[in-house]
Amino acid sequence: MSAPADDRLPLGVGPFARLVAAFADSRLALAGLALLLTIALAAAFAPWLAPQNPYDLMQLDILDSRLAPGSPSGDGRLTYHLGTDAQGRDMLSAILYGLRISVVVGVSATVLALLLGMALGLVAGYFGGRFDTLLMRIVDIQLAFPSILTAMILLALFGQGIDKIVIALVASQWAYYARTTRSTAMVEGRKEYIEAARLLGLSTARIVFRHLLPNCLPPLIVVAALQVAAAIALEATLSFLGLGLPVTEPSLGLLIANGFQYLYSGRYWISVFPGVALLLTILAINLVADQLRDVLNPRLQKQ
């Protein structure tokens, strides 16, 4: 990898310009960013990009069931470029709609888990005491169990639905942010600028939110970027197992599950194409997150 962008740009250049320059230095990261933006736009504009609404029964025809990729519809109005599933839904349309649900669930769960874990970690790292001890014991217990096991138990109690799976994902991920925030806050809390702020008589809220929190954000951004991919993968796994989203709100994981039984009969496209979309989404997020890690922590950059 080439030298960090910070070494080549003037000191007056803002952090956004430095971030852009850092991504421009890595073709792999730039490709990941371009792929991620494409996926995000496809998910956002799914109702306008999809050839059909795959969940509008008036647009479906059971006679178009399990058509191979490139087949025309029975009435000749559509060409199913990625084939159809067992219900006669256009796979391209189903993937766009499923991608939208997967991204919304992953991002929503990550943001909520980040806010919860960051708030608890800041309090524990800055004030310490019994709350810190209690929180760390809870975090240790939480991290001792696999995330998927925690989510499965909660979904068994709550049932299916987008709101239910978001809650389950938040409950299984908040501990990562709490531990990261707490450790960073403890290190930053001992530095001179925090001691100076206390000596100047600044309020605790101003010290925490104006001085401590901004310096805790870089590692949290990296963790959050990685956890978006983990949340999407976890949701897909739960939906594949029939514990996540209902059939009326199918994500990529549920689309893969719907086509799994047809793999051995040669109708691979029903399961493989959603799987490819899921793989590309997670790959793009991880490539961007890896570059963010290098930018926000230059000590990790390869020389």
C-alpha atoms as a PDB file:
ATOM      1  CA  MET A   1       0.000   0.000   0.000  1.00  0.00           C
ATOM      2  CA  SER A   2       1.236   3.475  -0.814  1.00  0.00           C
ATOM      3  CA  ALA A   3       2.101   6.025   1.833  1.00  0.00           C
ATOM      4  CA  PRO A   4      -0.784   7.431   3.893  1.00  0.00           C
ATOM      5  CA  ALA A   5      -2.637  10.304   2.314  1.00  0.00           C
ATOM      6  CA  ASP A   6      -1.914  12.455   5.375  1.00  0.00           C
ATOM      7  CA  ASP A   7       1.772  12.536   4.392  1.00  0.00           C
ATOM      8  CA  ARG A   8       1.061  14.015   0.976  1.00  0.00           C
ATOM      9  CA  LEU A   9      -1.778  16.461   1.585  1.00  0.00           C
ATOM     10  CA  PRO A  10      -1.338  19.954   3.065  1.00  0.00           C
ATOM     11  CA  LEU A  11      -2.242  20.383   6.714  1.00  0.00           C
ATOM     12  CA  GLY A  12      -5.103  22.667   5.781  1.00  0.00           C
ATOM     13  CA  VAL A  13      -6.928  19.962   3.860  1.00  0.00           C
ATOM     14  CA  GLY A  14     -10.061  18.785   5.660  1.00  0.00           C
ATOM     15  CA  PRO A  15     -10.688  15.238   6.917  1.00  0.00           C
ATOM     16  CA  PHE A  16     -13.164  14.505   4.116  1.00  0.00           C
ATOM     17  CA  ALA A  17     -10.570  15.330   1.459  1.00  0.00           C
ATOM     18  CA  ARG A  18      -8.051  13.120   3.238  1.00  0.00           C
ATOM     19  CA  LEU A  19     -10.572  10.293   3.327  1.00  0.00           C
ATOM     20  CA  VAL A  20     -11.250  10.663  -0.400  1.00  0.00           C
ATOM     21  CA  ALA A  21      -7.508  10.681  -1.126  1.00  0.00           C
ATOM     22  CA  ALA A  22      -7.018   7.556   0.992  1.00  0.00           C
ATOM     23  CA  PHE A  23      -9.693   5.663  -0.934  1.00  0.00           C
ATOM     24  CA  ALA A  24      -8.237   6.893  -4.228  1.00  0.00           C
ATOM     25  CA  ASP A  25      -4.908   5.300  -3.240  1.00  0.00           C
ATOM     26  CA  SER A  26      -6.436   1.807  -3.056  1.00  0.00           C
ATOM     27  CA  ARG A  27      -8.083   0.376  -6.155  1.00  0.00           C
ATOM     28  CA  LEU A  28      -9.597  -2.434  -4.116  1.00  0.00           C
ATOM     29  CA  ALA A  29     -11.159  -0.029  -1.618  1.00  0.00           C
ATOM     30  CA  LEU A  30     -12.347   2.219  -4.439  1.00  0.00           C
ATOM     31  CA  ALA A  31     -13.964  -0.761  -6.160  1.00  0.00           C
ATOM     32  CA  GLY A  32     -15.611  -1.739  -2.878  1.00  0.00           C
ATOM     33  CA  LEU A  33     -16.912   1.802  -2.393  1.00  0.00           C
ATOM     34  CA  ALA A  34     -18.298   1.921  -5.947  1.00  0.00           C
ATOM     35  CA  LEU A  35     -19.978  -1.470  -5.451  1.00  0.00           C
ATOM     36  CA  LEU A  36     -21.409  -0.384  -2.099  1.00  0.00           C
ATOM     37  CA  LEU A  37     -22.840   2.826  -3.573  1.00  0.00           C
ATOM     38  CA  THR A  38     -24.381   0.820  -6.430  1.00  0.00           C
ATOM     39  CA  ILE A  39     -25.979  -1.601  -3.964  1.00  0.00           C
ATOM     40  CA  ALA A  40     -27.251   1.256  -1.777  1.00  0.00           C
ATOM     41  CA  LEU A  41     -28.818   3.025  -4.774  1.00  0.00           C
ATOM     42  CA  ALA A  42     -30.348  -0.226  -6.032  1.00  0.00           C
ATOM     43  CA  ALA A  43     -31.886  -0.847  -2.618  1.00  0.00           C
ATOM     44  CA  ALA A  44     -33.142   2.732  -2.272  1.00  0.00           C
ATOM     45  CA  PHE A  45     -34.739   2.842  -5.724  1.00  0.00           C
ATOM     46  CA  ALA A  46     -35.946  -0.769  -5.851  1.00  0.00           C
ATOM     47  CA  PRO A  47     -39.609   0.153  -6.542  1.00  0.00           C
ATOM     48  CA  TRP A  48     -38.533   2.141  -9.607  1.00  0.00           C
ATOM     49  CA  LEU A  49     -35.779  -0.187 -10.852  1.00  0.00           C
ATOM     50  CA  ALA A  50     -37.577  -3.525 -10.460  1.00  0.00           C
ATOM     51  CA  PRO A  51     -39.383  -4.741 -13.600  1.00  0.00           C
ATOM     52  CA  GLN A  52     -42.334  -5.797 -11.424  1.00  0.00           C
ATOM     53  CA  ASN A  53     -43.528  -5.622  -7.864  1.00  0.00           C
ATOM     54  CA  PRO A  54     -42.818  -9.234  -6.844  1.00  0.00           C
ATOM     55  CA  TYR A  55     -45.284  -9.027  -3.942  1.00  0.00           C
ATOM     56  CA  ASP A  56     -48.238  -7.690  -5.894  1.00  0.00           C
ATOM     57  CA  LEU A  57     -50.360 -10.766  -6.631  1.00  0.00           C
ATOM     58  CA  MET A  58     -52.002  -9.029  -9.564  1.00  0.00           C
ATOM     59  CA  GLN A  59     -48.643  -8.916 -11.377  1.00  0.00           C
ATOM     60  CA  LEU A  60     -47.803 -12.600 -10.854  1.00  0.00           C
ATOM     61  CA  ASP A  61     -48.724 -15.593 -12.975  1.00  0.00           C
ATOM     62  CA  ILE A  62     -48.261 -19.110 -11.637  1.00  0.00           C
ATOM     63  CA  LEU A  63     -47.675 -20.289 -15.220  1.00  0.00           C
ATOM     64  CA  ASP A  64     -44.387 -18.349 -15.115  1.00  0.00           C
ATOM     65  CA  SER A  65     -43.188 -20.476 -12.208  1.00  0.00           C
ATOM     66  CA  ARG A  66     -39.497 -21.522 -12.197  1.00  0.00           C
ATOM     67  CA  LEU A  67     -38.632 -20.177 -15.626  1.00  0.00           C
ATOM     68  CA  ALA A  68     -34.943 -20.235 -16.532  1.00  0.00           C
ATOM     69  CA  PRO A  69     -32.923 -17.002 -16.822  1.00  0.00           C
ATOM     70  CA  GLY A  70     -33.677 -15.155 -20.055  1.00  0.00           C
ATOM     71  CA  SER A  71     -37.148 -16.630 -20.474  1.00  0.00           C
ATOM     72  CA  PRO A  72     -40.039 -14.385 -21.590  1.00  0.00           C
ATOM     73  CA  SER A  73     -43.211 -14.133 -19.554  1.00  0.00           C
ATOM     74  CA  GLY A  74     -46.343 -15.922 -20.726  1.00  0.00           C
ATOM     75  CA  ASP A  75     -47.889 -12.721 -22.048  1.00  0.00           C
ATOM     76  CA  GLY A  76     -44.595 -11.568 -23.604  1.00  0.00           C
ATOM     77  CA  ARG A  77     -44.491  -8.303 -21.637  1.00  0.00           C
ATOM     78  CA  LEU A  78     -41.386  -9.126 -19.572  1.00  0.00           C
ATOM     79  CA  THR A  79     -38.104 -10.933 -20.001  1.00  0.00           C
ATOM     80  CA  TYR A  80     -37.022 -12.674 -16.819  1.00  0.00           C
ATOM     81  CA  HIS A  81     -33.279 -12.018 -17.050  1.00  0.00           C
ATOM     82  CA  LEU A  82     -32.595 -13.896 -13.787  1.00  0.00           C
ATOM     83  CA  GLY A  83     -35.481 -16.339 -14.082  1.00  0.00           C
ATOM     84  CA  THR A  84     -38.440 -16.758 -11.748  1.00  0.00           C
ATOM     85  CA  ASP A  85     -39.094 -18.524  -8.462  1.00  0.00           C
ATOM     86  CA  ALA A  86     -41.752 -21.057  -7.538  1.00  0.00           C
ATOM     87  CA  GLN A  87     -44.415 -18.331  -7.239  1.00  0.00           C
ATOM     88  CA  GLY A  88     -43.637 -16.889 -10.655  1.00  0.00           C
ATOM     89  CA  ARG A  89     -41.891 -13.818  -9.261  1.00  0.00           C
ATOM     90  CA  ASP A  90     -39.177 -12.157 -11.308  1.00  0.00           C
ATOM     91  CA  MET A  91     -35.942 -12.963  -9.489  1.00  0.00           C
ATOM     92  CA  LEU A  92     -34.310  -9.639 -10.364  1.00  0.00           C
ATOM     93  CA  SER A  93     -37.244  -7.774  -8.816  1.00  0.00           C
ATOM     94  CA  ALA A  94     -37.299 -10.075  -5.784  1.00  0.00           C
ATOM     95  CA  ILE A  95     -33.567  -9.545  -5.228  1.00  0.00           C
ATOM     96  CA  LEU A  96     -33.886  -5.744  -5.417  1.00  0.00           C
ATOM     97  CA  TYR A  97     -36.744  -5.736  -2.909  1.00  0.00           C
ATOM     98  CA  GLY A  98     -35.001  -8.300  -0.694  1.00  0.00           C
ATOM     99  CA  LEU A  99     -31.784  -6.306  -0.802  1.00  0.00           C
ATOM    100  CA  ARG A 100     -33.706  -3.265   0.375  1.00  0.00           C
ATOM    101  CA  ILE A 101     -35.044  -5.108   3.405  1.00  0.00           C
ATOM    102  CA  SER A 102     -31.649  -6.637   4.260  1.00  0.00           C
ATOM    103  CA  VAL A 103     -29.875  -3.269   4.113  1.00  0.00           C
ATOM    104  CA  VAL A 104     -32.570  -1.493   6.160  1.00  0.00           C
ATOM    105  CA  VAL A 105     -32.481  -4.186   8.852  1.00  0.00           C
ATOM    106  CA  GLY A 106     -28.663  -4.259   8.980  1.00  0.00           C
ATOM    107  CA  VAL A 107     -28.199  -0.486   9.118  1.00  0.00           C
ATOM    108  CA  SER A 108     -31.055   0.078  11.594  1.00  0.00           C
ATOM    109  CA  ALA A 109     -29.773  -2.589  13.981  1.00  0.00           C
ATOM    110  CA  THR A 110     -26.212  -1.255  13.761  1.00  0.00           C
ATOM    111  CA  VAL A 111     -27.210   2.360  14.450  1.00  0.00           C
ATOM    112  CA  LEU A 112     -29.378   1.434  17.442  1.00  0.00           C
ATOM    113  CA  ALA A 113     -26.755  -0.929  18.867  1.00  0.00           C
ATOM    114  CA  LEU A 114     -24.093   1.748  18.376  1.00  0.00           C
ATOM    115  CA  LEU A 115     -26.100   4.396  20.229  1.00  0.00           C
ATOM    116  CA  LEU A 116     -26.917   2.056  23.113  1.00  0.00           C
ATOM    117  CA  GLY A 117     -23.425   0.613  23.470  1.00  0.00           C
ATOM    118  CA  MET A 118     -21.753   4.024  23.072  1.00  0.00           C
ATOM    119  CA  ALA A 119     -23.908   5.616  25.781  1.00  0.00           C
ATOM    120  CA  LEU A 120     -23.268   2.806  28.258  1.00  0.00           C
ATOM    121  CA  GLY A 121     -19.562   2.632  27.413  1.00  0.00           C
ATOM    122  CA  LEU A 122     -19.056   6.382  27.853  1.00  0.00           C
ATOM    123  CA  VAL A 123     -20.635   6.351  31.287  1.00  0.00           C
ATOM    124  CA  ALA A 124     -18.664   3.287  32.366  1.00  0.00           C
ATOM    125  CA  GLY A 125     -15.332   4.503  30.964  1.00  0.00           C
ATOM    126  CA  TYR A 126     -15.541   8.073  32.250  1.00  0.00           C
ATOM    127  CA  PHE A 127     -17.060   7.552  35.689  1.00  0.00           C
ATOM    128  CA  GLY A 128     -15.926   3.989  36.475  1.00  0.00           C
ATOM    129  CA  GLY A 129     -17.077   2.611  39.810  1.00  0.00           C
ATOM    130  CA  ARG A 130     -19.731  -0.004  40.387  1.00  0.00           C
ATOM    131  CA  PHE A 131     -21.570   0.734  37.174  1.00  0.00           C
ATOM    132  CA  ASP A 132     -18.399   0.029  35.193  1.00  0.00           C
ATOM    133  CA  THR A 133     -17.849  -3.255  37.025  1.00  0.00           C
ATOM    134  CA  LEU A 134     -21.468  -4.351  36.546  1.00  0.00           C
ATOM    135  CA  LEU A 135     -21.531  -3.367  32.873  1.00  0.00           C
ATOM    136  CA  MET A 136     -18.327  -5.237  32.095  1.00  0.00           C
ATOM    137  CA  ARG A 137     -19.637  -8.382  33.758  1.00  0.00           C
ATOM    138  CA  ILE A 138     -22.798  -8.147  31.643  1.00  0.00           C
ATOM    139  CA  VAL A 139     -20.680  -7.564  28.521  1.00  0.00           C
ATOM    140  CA  ASP A 140     -18.494 -10.567  29.356  1.00  0.00           C
ATOM    141  CA  ILE A 141     -21.566 -12.774  29.728  1.00  0.00           C
ATOM    142  CA  GLN A 142     -23.069 -11.379  26.510  1.00  0.00           C
ATOM    143  CA  LEU A 143     -19.902 -11.977  24.473  1.00  0.00           C
ATOM    144  CA  ALA A 144     -19.541 -15.499  25.866  1.00  0.00           C
ATOM    145  CA  PHE A 145     -22.568 -16.553  23.813  1.00  0.00           C
ATOM    146  CA  PRO A 146     -22.565 -16.581  19.998  1.00  0.00           C
ATOM    147  CA  SER A 147     -24.562 -13.697  18.549  1.00  0.00           C
ATOM    148  CA  ILE A 148     -26.766 -16.044  16.561  1.00  0.00           C
ATOM    149  CA  LEU A 149     -27.725 -17.959  19.711  1.00  0.00           C
ATOM    150  CA  THR A 150     -28.784 -14.765  21.489  1.00  0.00           C
ATOM    151  CA  ALA A 151     -30.800 -13.663  18.458  1.00  0.00           C
ATOM    152  CA  MET A 152     -32.458 -17.074  18.080  1.00  0.00           C
ATOM    153  CA  ILE A 153     -33.574 -17.092  21.726  1.00  0.00           C
ATOM    154  CA  LEU A 154     -35.061 -13.605  21.461  1.00  0.00           C
ATOM    155  CA  LEU A 155     -36.838 -14.351  18.181  1.00  0.00           C
ATOM    156  CA  ALA A 156     -38.277 -17.510  19.691  1.00  0.00           C
ATOM    157  CA  LEU A 157     -39.778 -15.276  22.398  1.00  0.00           C
ATOM    158  CA  PHE A 158     -40.830 -12.294  20.260  1.00  0.00           C
ATOM    159  CA  GLY A 159     -41.818 -13.964  16.998  1.00  0.00           C
ATOM    160  CA  GLN A 160     -41.132 -12.838  13.429  1.00  0.00           C
ATOM    161  CA  GLY A 161     -41.094  -9.343  11.972  1.00  0.00           C
ATOM    162  CA  ILE A 162     -38.709  -6.567  10.982  1.00  0.00           C
ATOM    163  CA  ASP A 163     -39.014  -4.819  14.347  1.00  0.00           C
ATOM    164  CA  LYS A 164     -38.459  -8.092  16.204  1.00  0.00           C
ATOM    165  CA  ILE A 165     -35.320  -9.022  14.300  1.00  0.00           C
ATOM    166  CA  VAL A 166     -33.898  -5.493  14.686  1.00  0.00           C
ATOM    167  CA  ILE A 167     -34.358  -5.777  18.458  1.00  0.00           C
ATOM    168  CA  ALA A 168     -32.723  -9.205  18.433  1.00  0.00           C
ATOM    169  CA  LEU A 169     -29.747  -7.914  16.430  1.00  0.00           C
ATOM    170  CA  VAL A 170     -29.341  -4.897  18.726  1.00  0.00           C
ATOM    171  CA  ALA A 171     -29.388  -7.158  21.773  1.00  0.00           C
ATOM    172  CA  SER A 172     -26.715  -9.385  20.242  1.00  0.00           C
ATOM    173  CA  GLN A 173     -24.398  -6.548  19.097  1.00  0.00           C
ATOM    174  CA  TRP A 174     -24.509  -3.696  21.621  1.00  0.00           C
ATOM    175  CA  ALA A 175     -21.800  -5.264  23.790  1.00  0.00           C
ATOM    176  CA  TYR A 176     -19.138  -4.786  21.077  1.00  0.00           C
ATOM    177  CA  TYR A 177     -19.729  -1.034  21.061  1.00  0.00           C
ATOM    178  CA  ALA A 178     -19.926  -0.801  24.855  1.00  0.00           C
ATOM    179  CA  ARG A 179     -16.568  -2.514  25.313  1.00  0.00           C
ATOM    180  CA  THR A 180     -14.876  -0.488  22.551  1.00  0.00           C
ATOM    181  CA  THR A 181     -16.251   2.816  23.856  1.00  0.00           C
ATOM    182  CA  ARG A 182     -15.379   2.022  27.453  1.00  0.00           C
ATOM    183  CA  SER A 183     -11.770   1.100  26.702  1.00  0.00           C
ATOM    184  CA  THR A 184     -11.271   4.182  24.511  1.00  0.00           C
ATOM    185  CA  ALA A 185     -12.927   6.486  27.057  1.00  0.00           C
ATOM    186  CA  MET A 186     -10.678   5.172  29.831  1.00  0.00           C
ATOM    187  CA  VAL A 187      -7.551   5.907  27.769  1.00  0.00           C
ATOM    188  CA  GLU A 188      -8.731   9.348  26.628  1.00  0.00           C
ATOM    189  CA  GLY A 189     -10.010  10.230  30.100  1.00  0.00           C
ATOM    190  CA  ARG A 190      -6.460  10.134  31.490  1.00  0.00           C
ATOM    191  CA  LYS A 191      -4.997  12.490  28.886  1.00  0.00           C
ATOM    192  CA  GLU A 192      -3.992  16.087  29.491  1.00  0.00           C
ATOM    193  CA  TYR A 193      -6.766  17.743  27.515  1.00  0.00           C
ATOM    194  CA  ILE A 194      -9.432  16.085  29.679  1.00  0.00           C
ATOM    195  CA  GLU A 195      -7.593  17.077  32.866  1.00  0.00           C
ATOM    196  CA  ALA A 196      -7.318  20.625  31.543  1.00  0.00           C
ATOM    197  CA  ALA A 197     -11.041  20.698  30.820  1.00  0.00           C
ATOM    198  CA  ARG A 198     -11.768  19.610  34.399  1.00  0.00           C
ATOM    199  CA  LEU A 199      -9.446  22.267  35.804  1.00  0.00           C
ATOM    200  CA  LEU A 200     -11.180  24.918  33.721  1.00  0.00           C
ATOM    201  CA  GLY A 201     -14.443  23.971  35.402  1.00  0.00           C
ATOM    202  CA  LEU A 202     -16.243  22.712  32.312  1.00  0.00           C
ATOM    203  CA  SER A 203     -19.415  20.748  32.959  1.00  0.00           C
ATOM    204  CA  THR A 204     -19.328  16.975  32.826  1.00  0.00           C
ATOM    205  CA  ALA A 205     -21.731  16.934  29.883  1.00  0.00           C
ATOM    206  CA  ARG A 206     -19.512  19.320  27.885  1.00  0.00           C
ATOM    207  CA  ILE A 207     -16.383  17.316  28.663  1.00  0.00           C
ATOM    208  CA  VAL A 208     -18.039  14.053  27.639  1.00  0.00           C
ATOM    209  CA  PHE A 209     -19.843  15.214  24.487  1.00  0.00           C
ATOM    210  CA  ARG A 210     -17.506  17.966  23.221  1.00  0.00           C
ATOM    211  CA  HIS A 211     -14.107  16.509  24.109  1.00  0.00           C
ATOM    212  CA  LEU A 212     -14.288  12.821  25.011  1.00  0.00           C
ATOM    213  CA  LEU A 213     -16.885  11.506  22.548  1.00  0.00           C
ATOM    214  CA  PRO A 214     -15.250  12.860  19.335  1.00  0.00           C
ATOM    215  CA  ASN A 215     -12.044  11.031  20.217  1.00  0.00           C
ATOM    216  CA  CYS A 216     -13.952   7.789  20.828  1.00  0.00           C
ATOM    217  CA  LEU A 217     -15.665   7.860  17.441  1.00  0.00           C
ATOM    218  CA  PRO A 218     -12.863   6.628  15.083  1.00  0.00           C
ATOM    219  CA  PRO A 219     -12.701   3.059  16.448  1.00  0.00           C
ATOM    220  CA  LEU A 220     -16.496   2.995  16.779  1.00  0.00           C
ATOM    221  CA  ILE A 221     -16.917   3.911  13.111  1.00  0.00           C
ATOM    222  CA  VAL A 222     -14.720   0.983  12.103  1.00  0.00           C
ATOM    223  CA  VAL A 223     -16.575  -1.436  14.394  1.00  0.00           C
ATOM    224  CA  ALA A 224     -19.935  -0.163  13.128  1.00  0.00           C
ATOM    225  CA  ALA A 225     -18.904  -0.576   9.489  1.00  0.00           C
ATOM    226  CA  LEU A 226     -17.916  -4.182  10.125  1.00  0.00           C
ATOM    227  CA  GLN A 227     -21.021  -4.863  12.202  1.00  0.00           C
ATOM    228  CA  VAL A 228     -23.323  -3.721   9.384  1.00  0.00           C
ATOM    229  CA  ALA A 229     -22.012  -6.628   7.322  1.00  0.00           C
ATOM    230  CA  ALA A 230     -22.287  -8.932  10.337  1.00  0.00           C
ATOM    231  CA  ALA A 231     -25.877  -7.824  10.975  1.00  0.00           C
ATOM    232  CA  ILE A 232     -26.888  -8.418   7.347  1.00  0.00           C
ATOM    233  CA  ALA A 233     -25.252 -11.864   7.392  1.00  0.00           C
ATOM    234  CA  LEU A 234     -26.856 -12.740  10.738  1.00  0.00           C
ATOM    235  CA  GLU A 235     -30.295 -11.633   9.570  1.00  0.00           C
ATOM    236  CA  ALA A 236     -29.893 -13.699   6.389  1.00  0.00           C
ATOM    237  CA  THR A 237     -28.922 -16.748   8.445  1.00  0.00           C
ATOM    238  CA  LEU A 238     -31.901 -16.363  10.770  1.00  0.00           C
ATOM    239  CA  SER A 239     -34.292 -15.850   7.849  1.00  0.00           C
ATOM    240  CA  PHE A 240     -32.812 -18.884   6.086  1.00  0.00           C
ATOM    241  CA  LEU A 241     -33.569 -20.922   9.205  1.00  0.00           C
ATOM    242  CA  GLY A 242     -37.136 -19.599   9.229  1.00  0.00           C
ATOM    243  CA  LEU A 243     -36.681 -17.511  12.400  1.00  0.00           C
ATOM    244  CA  GLY A 244     -36.201 -14.052  10.914  1.00  0.00           C
ATOM    245  CA  LEU A 245     -38.550 -12.243   8.592  1.00  0.00           C
ATOM    246  CA  PRO A 246     -41.973 -13.568   7.525  1.00  0.00           C
ATOM    247  CA  VAL A 247     -42.671 -14.640   3.952  1.00  0.00           C
ATOM    248  CA  THR A 248     -44.528 -11.367   3.348  1.00  0.00           C
ATOM    249  CA  GLU A 249     -41.289  -9.406   3.940  1.00  0.00           C
ATOM    250  CA  PRO A 250     -38.605 -11.618   2.384  1.00  0.00           C
ATOM    251  CA  SER A 251     -34.991 -10.554   2.635  1.00  0.00           C
ATOM    252  CA  LEU A 252     -32.089 -12.092   0.726  1.00  0.00           C
ATOM    253  CA  GLY A 253     -31.778 -14.848   3.314  1.00  0.00           C
ATOM    254  CA  LEU A 254     -35.385 -15.895   2.876  1.00  0.00           C
ATOM    255  CA  LEU A 255     -35.049 -15.804  -0.911  1.00  0.00           C
ATOM    256  CA  ILE A 256     -32.083 -18.175  -0.627  1.00  0.00           C
ATOM    257  CA  ALA A 257     -34.127 -20.470   1.593  1.00  0.00           C
ATOM    258  CA  ASN A 258     -37.050 -20.443  -0.836  1.00  0.00           C
ATOM    259  CA  GLY A 259     -34.847 -21.731  -3.644  1.00  0.00           C
ATOM    260  CA  PHE A 260     -32.718 -24.148  -1.658  1.00  0.00           C
ATOM    261  CA  GLN A 261     -35.048 -27.092  -2.245  1.00  0.00           C
ATOM    262  CA  TYR A 262     -34.778 -26.611  -6.013  1.00  0.00           C
ATOM    263  CA  LEU A 263     -30.974 -26.717  -6.200  1.00  0.00           C
ATOM    264  CA  TYR A 264     -30.834 -30.456  -6.785  1.00  0.00           C
ATOM    265  CA  SER A 265     -33.433 -30.271  -9.548  1.00  0.00           C
ATOM    266  CA  GLY A 266     -31.226 -27.922 -11.582  1.00  0.00           C
ATOM    267  CA  ARG A 267     -33.134 -24.704 -10.872  1.00  0.00           C
ATOM    268  CA  TYR A 268     -30.085 -23.093  -9.309  1.00  0.00           C
ATOM    269  CA  TRP A 269     -31.026 -19.487 -10.066  1.00  0.00           C
ATOM    270  CA  ILE A 270     -33.755 -19.313  -7.405  1.00  0.00           C
ATOM    271  CA  SER A 271     -31.189 -19.661  -4.628  1.00  0.00           C
ATOM    272  CA  VAL A 272     -27.831 -18.809  -6.215  1.00  0.00           C
ATOM    273  CA  PHE A 273     -28.608 -15.305  -7.496  1.00  0.00           C
ATOM    274  CA  PRO A 274     -29.846 -14.006  -4.105  1.00  0.00           C
ATOM    275  CA  GLY A 275     -26.783 -15.641  -2.568  1.00  0.00           C
ATOM    276  CA  VAL A 276     -24.501 -13.790  -4.973  1.00  0.00           C
ATOM    277  CA  ALA A 277     -26.248 -10.502  -4.120  1.00  0.00           C
ATOM    278  CA  LEU A 278     -25.742 -11.183  -0.403  1.00  0.00           C
ATOM    279  CA  LEU A 279     -22.085 -12.083  -0.952  1.00  0.00           C
ATOM    280  CA  LEU A 280     -21.385  -8.924  -2.958  1.00  0.00           C
ATOM    281  CA  THR A 281     -23.093  -6.756  -0.339  1.00  0.00           C
ATOM    282  CA  ILE A 282     -21.033  -8.157   2.530  1.00  0.00           C
ATOM    283  CA  LEU A 283     -17.841  -8.034   0.442  1.00  0.00           C
ATOM    284  CA  ALA A 284     -18.369  -4.361  -0.466  1.00  0.00           C
ATOM    285  CA  ILE A 285     -19.022  -3.366   3.147  1.00  0.00           C
ATOM    286  CA  ASN A 286     -15.937  -5.222   4.375  1.00  0.00           C
ATOM    287  CA  LEU A 287     -13.693  -3.617   1.738  1.00  0.00           C
ATOM    288  CA  VAL A 288     -14.874  -0.145   2.730  1.00  0.00           C
ATOM    289  CA  ALA A 289     -14.581  -0.941   6.446  1.00  0.00           C
ATOM    290  CA  ASP A 290     -11.033  -2.244   5.988  1.00  0.00           C
ATOM    291  CA  GLN A 291      -9.974   0.993   4.316  1.00  0.00           C
ATOM    292  CA  LEU A 292     -11.719   3.056   6.998  1.00  0.00           C
ATOM    293  CA  ARG A 293      -9.710   1.173   9.604  1.00  0.00           C
ATOM    294  CA  ASP A 294      -6.467   2.121   7.870  1.00  0.00           C
ATOM    295  CA  VAL A 295      -7.513   5.763   7.508  1.00  0.00           C
ATOM    296  CA  LEU A 296      -8.759   6.228  11.057  1.00  0.00           C
ATOM    297  CA  ASN A 297      -5.841   4.337  12.612  1.00  0.00           C
ATOM    298  CA  PRO A 298      -2.706   5.065  10.532  1.00  0.00           C
ATOM    299  CA  ARG A 299      -0.605   2.801  12.778  1.00  0.00           C
ATOM    300  CA  LEU A 300      -2.376  -0.178  11.179  1.00  0.00           C
ATOM    301  CA  GLN A 301      -1.440   0.818   7.653  1.00  0.00           C
ATOM    302  CA  LYS A 302       0.995  -1.371   5.783  1.00  0.00           C
ATOM    303  CA  GLN A 303       4.124   0.429   4.654  1.00  0.00           C
END
